[in-house]
Each structure stands twice: as structure tokens, then as C-alpha cells.
């Protein structure tokens, strides 16, 4: 039971670290695309206004 608990804990820690690393990278990619193509984003957002 102790090994199973350790394995579950290790998987949880790895998942948390992966989330903490992946979320800022994803936002950086999203903001990079917005800065690279602002005219396309403006054309799309006009339809929703």
C-alpha cells in the first residue's frame, strides 16, 4: 500500500509540475499569435460586435 501511495503521489506531483510549465507556455503562444497577426484578429472580432 505504501508503494501505491508513493506512486500516486509522484504522478500527482508530475501532473502539477507539467501544468505549471505548460500553461504559461500556452499563453505565450496565444499572445505571440495575437501580436503577430493583429489585423486578422481584429477582422474576426468585428463580427461579434
N, C-alpha and C. Protein backbone atom coordinates (compact mmCIF):
# COMPACT_ATOMS: atom_id res chain seq x y z
N UNK A 1 0.83 -1.20 0.00
CA UNK A 1 0.00 0.00 0.00
C UNK A 1 0.87 1.26 0.00
N UNK A 2 2.01 1.20 0.65
CA UNK A 2 2.87 2.37 0.72
C UNK A 2 3.46 2.70 -0.65
N UNK A 3 3.80 1.66 -1.43
CA UNK A 3 4.35 1.90 -2.76
C UNK A 3 3.29 2.50 -3.68
N UNK A 4 2.07 2.00 -3.57
CA UNK A 4 0.98 2.55 -4.37
C UNK A 4 0.75 4.02 -4.02
N UNK A 5 0.77 4.32 -2.75
CA UNK A 5 0.57 5.70 -2.31
C UNK A 5 1.70 6.60 -2.82
N UNK A 6 2.92 6.09 -2.79
CA UNK A 6 4.05 6.86 -3.30
C UNK A 6 3.95 7.07 -4.80
N UNK A 7 3.49 6.06 -5.52
CA UNK A 7 3.33 6.17 -6.96
C UNK A 7 2.25 7.19 -7.31
N UNK A 8 1.14 7.15 -6.61
CA UNK A 8 0.07 8.12 -6.84
C UNK A 8 0.55 9.52 -6.52
N UNK A 9 1.27 9.67 -5.43
CA UNK A 9 1.81 10.99 -5.07
C UNK A 9 2.79 11.51 -6.10
N UNK A 10 3.65 10.64 -6.60
CA UNK A 10 4.62 11.06 -7.62
C UNK A 10 3.92 11.47 -8.91
N UNK A 11 2.90 10.72 -9.31
CA UNK A 11 2.14 11.07 -10.51
C UNK A 11 1.44 12.42 -10.34
N UNK A 12 0.92 12.65 -9.15
CA UNK A 12 0.26 13.93 -8.88
C UNK A 12 1.25 15.09 -8.97
N UNK A 13 2.42 14.91 -8.39
CA UNK A 13 3.44 15.96 -8.43
C UNK A 13 3.88 16.22 -9.87
N UNK A 14 4.06 15.18 -10.65
CA UNK A 14 4.45 15.34 -12.06
C UNK A 14 3.35 16.06 -12.83
N UNK A 15 2.10 15.73 -12.55
CA UNK A 15 0.99 16.40 -13.23
C UNK A 15 0.93 17.89 -12.87
N UNK A 16 1.15 18.21 -11.62
CA UNK A 16 1.13 19.61 -11.20
C UNK A 16 2.28 20.38 -11.85
N UNK A 17 3.46 19.80 -11.86
CA UNK A 17 4.61 20.46 -12.48
C UNK A 17 4.37 20.64 -13.97
N UNK A 18 3.81 19.64 -14.63
CA UNK A 18 3.50 19.76 -16.05
C UNK A 18 2.51 20.87 -16.33
N UNK A 19 1.51 21.00 -15.49
CA UNK A 19 0.52 22.06 -15.66
C UNK A 19 1.15 23.43 -15.44
N UNK A 20 1.97 23.54 -14.41
CA UNK A 20 2.61 24.83 -14.10
C UNK A 20 3.54 25.25 -15.23
N UNK A 21 4.16 24.30 -15.90
CA UNK A 21 5.07 24.63 -17.00
C UNK A 21 4.28 24.87 -18.30
N UNK A 22 3.26 24.08 -18.57
CA UNK A 22 2.57 24.14 -19.86
C UNK A 22 1.65 25.35 -19.98
N UNK A 23 1.00 25.77 -18.92
CA UNK A 23 0.03 26.87 -19.02
C UNK A 23 0.71 28.19 -19.42
N UNK A 24 1.80 28.60 -18.81
CA UNK A 24 2.45 29.84 -19.28
C UNK A 24 2.96 29.75 -20.71
N UNK A 25 3.44 28.57 -21.11
CA UNK A 25 3.90 28.40 -22.49
C UNK A 25 2.72 28.54 -23.45
N UNK A 26 1.59 27.97 -23.10
CA UNK A 26 0.41 28.08 -23.97
C UNK A 26 -0.05 29.53 -24.08
N UNK A 27 -0.07 30.26 -22.98
CA UNK A 27 -0.47 31.67 -23.04
C UNK A 27 0.54 32.48 -23.85
N UNK A 28 1.82 32.16 -23.74
CA UNK A 28 2.83 32.87 -24.52
C UNK A 28 2.61 32.64 -26.01
N UNK A 29 2.25 31.42 -26.39
CA UNK A 29 1.98 31.12 -27.79
C UNK A 29 0.74 31.89 -28.26
N UNK A 30 -0.31 31.89 -27.45
CA UNK A 30 -1.54 32.61 -27.82
C UNK A 30 -1.26 34.10 -27.99
N UNK A 31 -0.57 34.70 -27.04
CA UNK A 31 -0.28 36.14 -27.15
C UNK A 31 0.69 36.42 -28.28
N UNK A 32 1.59 35.50 -28.57
CA UNK A 32 2.51 35.67 -29.70
C UNK A 32 1.77 35.70 -31.01
N UNK A 33 0.76 34.83 -31.16
CA UNK A 33 -0.04 34.82 -32.39
C UNK A 33 -0.85 36.10 -32.50
N UNK A 34 -1.38 36.57 -31.38
CA UNK A 34 -2.17 37.81 -31.40
C UNK A 34 -1.30 38.99 -31.80
N UNK A 35 -0.07 39.03 -31.32
CA UNK A 35 0.82 40.13 -31.66
C UNK A 35 1.32 40.02 -33.09
N UNK A 36 1.46 38.80 -33.59
CA UNK A 36 1.97 38.62 -34.94
C UNK A 36 0.91 38.94 -36.00
N UNK A 37 -0.36 38.65 -35.71
CA UNK A 37 -1.43 38.85 -36.69
C UNK A 37 -2.58 39.66 -36.09
N UNK A 38 -2.34 40.89 -35.69
CA UNK A 38 -3.44 41.66 -35.05
C UNK A 38 -4.56 42.00 -36.03
N UNK A 39 -4.23 42.17 -37.33
CA UNK A 39 -5.28 42.53 -38.28
C UNK A 39 -6.26 41.39 -38.50
N UNK A 40 -5.80 40.16 -38.48
CA UNK A 40 -6.70 39.03 -38.62
C UNK A 40 -7.61 38.90 -37.40
N UNK A 41 -7.05 39.12 -36.22
CA UNK A 41 -7.85 39.05 -35.00
C UNK A 41 -8.90 40.16 -34.99
N UNK A 42 -8.54 41.34 -35.44
CA UNK A 42 -9.48 42.47 -35.48
C UNK A 42 -10.61 42.17 -36.46
N UNK A 43 -10.29 41.57 -37.59
CA UNK A 43 -11.33 41.25 -38.58
C UNK A 43 -12.30 40.21 -38.05
N UNK A 44 -11.81 39.27 -37.31
CA UNK A 44 -12.68 38.23 -36.74
C UNK A 44 -13.53 38.80 -35.62
N UNK A 45 -12.96 39.66 -34.79
CA UNK A 45 -13.71 40.16 -33.63
C UNK A 45 -14.77 41.17 -34.04
N UNK A 46 -14.69 41.77 -35.22
CA UNK A 46 -15.72 42.71 -35.66
C UNK A 46 -17.05 42.01 -35.87
N UNK A 47 -17.02 40.75 -36.26
CA UNK A 47 -18.27 40.04 -36.49
C UNK A 47 -19.05 39.78 -35.19
N UNK A 48 -18.36 39.79 -34.08
CA UNK A 48 -19.02 39.53 -32.79
C UNK A 48 -19.51 40.81 -32.13
N UNK A 49 -19.18 41.95 -32.66
CA UNK A 49 -19.58 43.22 -32.02
C UNK A 49 -20.95 43.66 -32.42
